[in-house]
Amino acid sequence: MPATVRDNPDRHRYELEIDGHVAFAEYGLTAGVITFIHTEVPKELGGKGVGSTLARGALEDVRRRGLRVVAQCPFIKGFIDKHAEFSDLLA
């Protein structure tokens, strides 16, 4: 998938744009902790692994930034549960 996950701090979300559609993971940020609140993948992108690509890209950026994660969003929580390499990020 050639698209890149990017942080959009003005909208408090990570975004992945594909074919004119934007999947996103909304977050809140406080001292050293990012709380993922909601993830949304447009129906046009459903079933293509877009949500997983978004989650992986966001979590890799979070790791790079040295933040801890609170996964209020069921999708992000489920992704972390299935991908133990990100479990160390949990606050």
N, C-alpha and C. Protein backbone atom coordinates (compact mmCIF):
# COMPACT_ATOMS: atom_id res chain seq x y z
N MET A 1 0.86 -1.17 0.00
CA MET A 1 0.00 0.00 0.00
C MET A 1 0.91 1.24 0.00
N PRO A 2 0.88 2.04 -1.06
CA PRO A 2 1.82 3.15 -1.20
C PRO A 2 1.51 4.37 -0.32
N ALA A 3 0.32 4.47 0.19
CA ALA A 3 -0.05 5.62 1.01
C ALA A 3 0.69 5.60 2.34
N THR A 4 0.87 6.79 2.92
CA THR A 4 1.61 6.94 4.17
C THR A 4 0.70 7.46 5.28
N VAL A 5 0.82 6.86 6.45
CA VAL A 5 0.09 7.34 7.62
C VAL A 5 0.77 8.62 8.09
N ARG A 6 -0.04 9.66 8.32
CA ARG A 6 0.54 10.91 8.80
C ARG A 6 -0.25 11.45 9.97
N ASP A 7 0.46 12.10 10.85
CA ASP A 7 -0.18 12.75 12.00
C ASP A 7 -0.72 14.09 11.54
N ASN A 8 -1.96 14.39 11.90
CA ASN A 8 -2.56 15.69 11.64
C ASN A 8 -2.87 16.30 13.01
N PRO A 9 -1.86 16.96 13.63
CA PRO A 9 -2.05 17.46 15.00
C PRO A 9 -3.15 18.51 15.12
N ASP A 10 -3.43 19.25 14.05
CA ASP A 10 -4.50 20.25 14.11
C ASP A 10 -5.87 19.60 14.30
N ARG A 11 -6.02 18.39 13.78
CA ARG A 11 -7.31 17.68 13.90
C ARG A 11 -7.24 16.57 14.94
N HIS A 12 -6.09 16.42 15.60
CA HIS A 12 -5.90 15.40 16.65
C HIS A 12 -6.20 14.01 16.12
N ARG A 13 -5.56 13.68 15.01
CA ARG A 13 -5.78 12.36 14.45
C ARG A 13 -4.66 11.96 13.50
N TYR A 14 -4.48 10.65 13.39
CA TYR A 14 -3.61 10.08 12.37
C TYR A 14 -4.50 9.80 11.17
N GLU A 15 -3.96 10.04 9.97
CA GLU A 15 -4.75 9.88 8.76
C GLU A 15 -4.01 9.01 7.74
N LEU A 16 -4.81 8.32 6.94
CA LEU A 16 -4.31 7.54 5.82
C LEU A 16 -5.26 7.79 4.66
N GLU A 17 -4.76 8.48 3.64
CA GLU A 17 -5.60 8.81 2.48
C GLU A 17 -5.32 7.85 1.34
N ILE A 18 -6.39 7.27 0.82
CA ILE A 18 -6.30 6.33 -0.30
C ILE A 18 -7.46 6.61 -1.25
N ASP A 19 -7.14 6.80 -2.50
CA ASP A 19 -8.16 7.00 -3.54
C ASP A 19 -9.17 8.08 -3.17
N GLY A 20 -8.71 9.16 -2.55
CA GLY A 20 -9.59 10.27 -2.21
C GLY A 20 -10.40 10.08 -0.94
N HIS A 21 -10.21 8.96 -0.26
CA HIS A 21 -10.91 8.69 1.00
C HIS A 21 -9.90 8.71 2.14
N VAL A 22 -10.33 9.19 3.30
CA VAL A 22 -9.43 9.30 4.44
C VAL A 22 -9.90 8.43 5.59
N ALA A 23 -9.05 7.49 5.98
CA ALA A 23 -9.26 6.73 7.21
C ALA A 23 -8.51 7.47 8.30
N PHE A 24 -9.04 7.44 9.52
CA PHE A 24 -8.37 8.19 10.59
C PHE A 24 -8.55 7.53 11.94
N ALA A 25 -7.60 7.86 12.83
CA ALA A 25 -7.64 7.42 14.23
C ALA A 25 -7.51 8.68 15.08
N GLU A 26 -8.60 9.06 15.75
CA GLU A 26 -8.61 10.26 16.59
C GLU A 26 -7.93 9.99 17.92
N TYR A 27 -7.29 11.02 18.45
CA TYR A 27 -6.58 10.87 19.72
C TYR A 27 -6.63 12.14 20.55
N GLY A 28 -6.37 11.97 21.83
CA GLY A 28 -6.12 13.08 22.75
C GLY A 28 -4.68 12.93 23.22
N LEU A 29 -4.01 14.06 23.45
CA LEU A 29 -2.61 14.02 23.83
C LEU A 29 -2.39 14.83 25.10
N THR A 30 -1.78 14.18 26.08
CA THR A 30 -1.38 14.86 27.31
C THR A 30 0.05 14.45 27.61
N ALA A 31 0.65 15.02 28.58
CA ALA A 31 2.07 14.83 28.91
C ALA A 31 2.55 13.38 28.74
N GLY A 32 3.09 13.09 27.57
CA GLY A 32 3.70 11.78 27.32
C GLY A 32 2.74 10.65 27.05
N VAL A 33 1.43 10.93 26.97
CA VAL A 33 0.43 9.88 26.76
C VAL A 33 -0.51 10.26 25.63
N ILE A 34 -0.70 9.32 24.71
CA ILE A 34 -1.67 9.51 23.63
C ILE A 34 -2.82 8.55 23.88
N THR A 35 -4.03 9.07 23.86
CA THR A 35 -5.23 8.26 24.08
C THR A 35 -5.97 8.16 22.76
N PHE A 36 -6.01 6.94 22.20
CA PHE A 36 -6.76 6.72 20.96
C PHE A 36 -8.23 6.58 21.33
N ILE A 37 -9.06 7.40 20.69
CA ILE A 37 -10.47 7.51 21.05
C ILE A 37 -11.39 6.80 20.05
N HIS A 38 -11.08 6.96 18.76
CA HIS A 38 -11.99 6.47 17.72
C HIS A 38 -11.21 6.26 16.42
N THR A 39 -11.48 5.17 15.75
CA THR A 39 -10.89 4.90 14.43
C THR A 39 -12.02 4.72 13.44
N GLU A 40 -11.85 5.32 12.27
CA GLU A 40 -12.88 5.22 11.25
C GLU A 40 -12.25 4.95 9.88
N VAL A 41 -12.79 3.94 9.20
CA VAL A 41 -12.36 3.62 7.85
C VAL A 41 -13.59 3.75 6.95
N PRO A 42 -13.53 4.61 5.93
CA PRO A 42 -14.68 4.74 5.03
C PRO A 42 -15.08 3.40 4.41
N LYS A 43 -16.36 3.21 4.21
CA LYS A 43 -16.85 1.93 3.69
C LYS A 43 -16.20 1.58 2.35
N GLU A 44 -15.81 2.59 1.58
CA GLU A 44 -15.17 2.34 0.28
C GLU A 44 -13.80 1.65 0.44
N LEU A 45 -13.21 1.78 1.62
CA LEU A 45 -11.90 1.19 1.88
C LEU A 45 -11.96 -0.06 2.75
N GLY A 46 -13.16 -0.43 3.15
CA GLY A 46 -13.34 -1.57 4.04
C GLY A 46 -12.85 -2.88 3.44
N GLY A 47 -12.31 -3.75 4.30
CA GLY A 47 -11.89 -5.07 3.89
C GLY A 47 -10.58 -5.12 3.12
N LYS A 48 -9.84 -4.02 3.12
CA LYS A 48 -8.58 -3.95 2.37
C LYS A 48 -7.36 -3.82 3.27
N GLY A 49 -7.55 -3.96 4.58
CA GLY A 49 -6.42 -3.84 5.49
C GLY A 49 -6.03 -2.42 5.82
N VAL A 50 -6.87 -1.47 5.44
CA VAL A 50 -6.57 -0.06 5.66
C VAL A 50 -6.51 0.27 7.15
N GLY A 51 -7.44 -0.26 7.92
CA GLY A 51 -7.44 0.00 9.36
C GLY A 51 -6.17 -0.51 10.03
N SER A 52 -5.73 -1.68 9.64
CA SER A 52 -4.50 -2.24 10.21
C SER A 52 -3.28 -1.43 9.80
N THR A 53 -3.25 -0.98 8.55
CA THR A 53 -2.14 -0.15 8.08
C THR A 53 -2.11 1.16 8.85
N LEU A 54 -3.28 1.74 9.07
CA LEU A 54 -3.39 2.98 9.84
C LEU A 54 -2.91 2.77 11.28
N ALA A 55 -3.39 1.73 11.92
CA ALA A 55 -3.02 1.46 13.31
C ALA A 55 -1.52 1.23 13.43
N ARG A 56 -0.95 0.41 12.55
CA ARG A 56 0.49 0.13 12.59
C ARG A 56 1.30 1.41 12.40
N GLY A 57 0.93 2.22 11.42
CA GLY A 57 1.65 3.46 11.16
C GLY A 57 1.57 4.43 12.32
N ALA A 58 0.39 4.54 12.92
CA ALA A 58 0.21 5.44 14.07
C ALA A 58 1.04 4.95 15.25
N LEU A 59 1.00 3.66 15.54
CA LEU A 59 1.72 3.12 16.68
C LEU A 59 3.23 3.19 16.48
N GLU A 60 3.68 3.00 15.26
CA GLU A 60 5.12 3.15 14.99
C GLU A 60 5.56 4.59 15.23
N ASP A 61 4.72 5.56 14.86
CA ASP A 61 5.05 6.97 15.12
C ASP A 61 5.03 7.26 16.61
N VAL A 62 4.06 6.71 17.31
CA VAL A 62 3.97 6.88 18.76
C VAL A 62 5.25 6.36 19.43
N ARG A 63 5.71 5.20 18.99
CA ARG A 63 6.95 4.62 19.53
C ARG A 63 8.13 5.57 19.26
N ARG A 64 8.23 6.05 18.04
CA ARG A 64 9.31 6.96 17.66
C ARG A 64 9.31 8.21 18.54
N ARG A 65 8.12 8.68 18.89
CA ARG A 65 7.96 9.89 19.70
C ARG A 65 8.12 9.63 21.20
N GLY A 66 8.21 8.37 21.59
CA GLY A 66 8.41 8.03 23.00
C GLY A 66 7.17 8.22 23.86
N LEU A 67 5.99 8.08 23.25
CA LEU A 67 4.73 8.26 23.99
C LEU A 67 4.22 6.91 24.50
N ARG A 68 3.38 6.97 25.52
CA ARG A 68 2.65 5.80 26.03
C ARG A 68 1.25 5.86 25.44
N VAL A 69 0.57 4.71 25.38
CA VAL A 69 -0.74 4.60 24.73
C VAL A 69 -1.82 4.18 25.71
N VAL A 70 -2.95 4.88 25.64
CA VAL A 70 -4.19 4.43 26.26
C VAL A 70 -5.12 4.12 25.08
N ALA A 71 -5.57 2.88 24.99
CA ALA A 71 -6.38 2.44 23.85
C ALA A 71 -7.85 2.37 24.24
N GLN A 72 -8.51 3.53 24.26
CA GLN A 72 -9.97 3.56 24.51
C GLN A 72 -10.72 3.06 23.28
N CYS A 73 -10.14 3.26 22.11
CA CYS A 73 -10.76 2.83 20.86
C CYS A 73 -10.68 1.31 20.75
N PRO A 74 -11.81 0.64 20.55
CA PRO A 74 -11.81 -0.82 20.45
C PRO A 74 -10.95 -1.35 19.30
N PHE A 75 -10.89 -0.63 18.20
CA PHE A 75 -10.08 -1.09 17.07
C PHE A 75 -8.60 -1.08 17.42
N ILE A 76 -8.12 0.02 17.97
CA ILE A 76 -6.70 0.13 18.35
C ILE A 76 -6.38 -0.89 19.43
N LYS A 77 -7.28 -1.05 20.40
CA LYS A 77 -7.06 -2.04 21.46
C LYS A 77 -6.94 -3.44 20.86
N GLY A 78 -7.85 -3.78 19.95
CA GLY A 78 -7.83 -5.08 19.30
C GLY A 78 -6.57 -5.30 18.48
N PHE A 79 -6.12 -4.24 17.81
CA PHE A 79 -4.90 -4.35 17.02
C PHE A 79 -3.71 -4.64 17.93
N ILE A 80 -3.60 -3.92 19.03
CA ILE A 80 -2.50 -4.14 19.98
C ILE A 80 -2.59 -5.55 20.56
N ASP A 81 -3.81 -6.01 20.88
CA ASP A 81 -3.97 -7.37 21.42
C ASP A 81 -3.47 -8.42 20.44
N LYS A 82 -3.64 -8.18 19.13
CA LYS A 82 -3.22 -9.14 18.11
C LYS A 82 -1.76 -8.98 17.70
N HIS A 83 -1.15 -7.84 18.05
CA HIS A 83 0.22 -7.55 17.64
C HIS A 83 1.03 -7.19 18.89
N ALA A 84 1.52 -8.23 19.54
CA ALA A 84 2.21 -8.09 20.84
C ALA A 84 3.41 -7.16 20.78
N GLU A 85 3.96 -6.92 19.59
CA GLU A 85 5.12 -6.03 19.48
C GLU A 85 4.80 -4.59 19.86
N PHE A 86 3.50 -4.28 20.00
CA PHE A 86 3.10 -2.93 20.41
C PHE A 86 2.60 -2.87 21.85
N SER A 87 2.50 -4.00 22.53
CA SER A 87 1.95 -4.03 23.88
C SER A 87 2.79 -3.24 24.89
N ASP A 88 4.07 -3.11 24.61
CA ASP A 88 4.94 -2.34 25.53
C ASP A 88 4.60 -0.85 25.52
N LEU A 89 3.83 -0.39 24.55
CA LEU A 89 3.45 1.03 24.49
C LEU A 89 2.32 1.37 25.44
N LEU A 90 1.58 0.36 25.91
CA LEU A 90 0.42 0.63 26.74
C LEU A 90 0.81 1.27 28.08
N ALA A 91 0.04 2.29 28.44
CA ALA A 91 0.28 3.01 29.70
C ALA A 91 -0.30 2.23 30.86
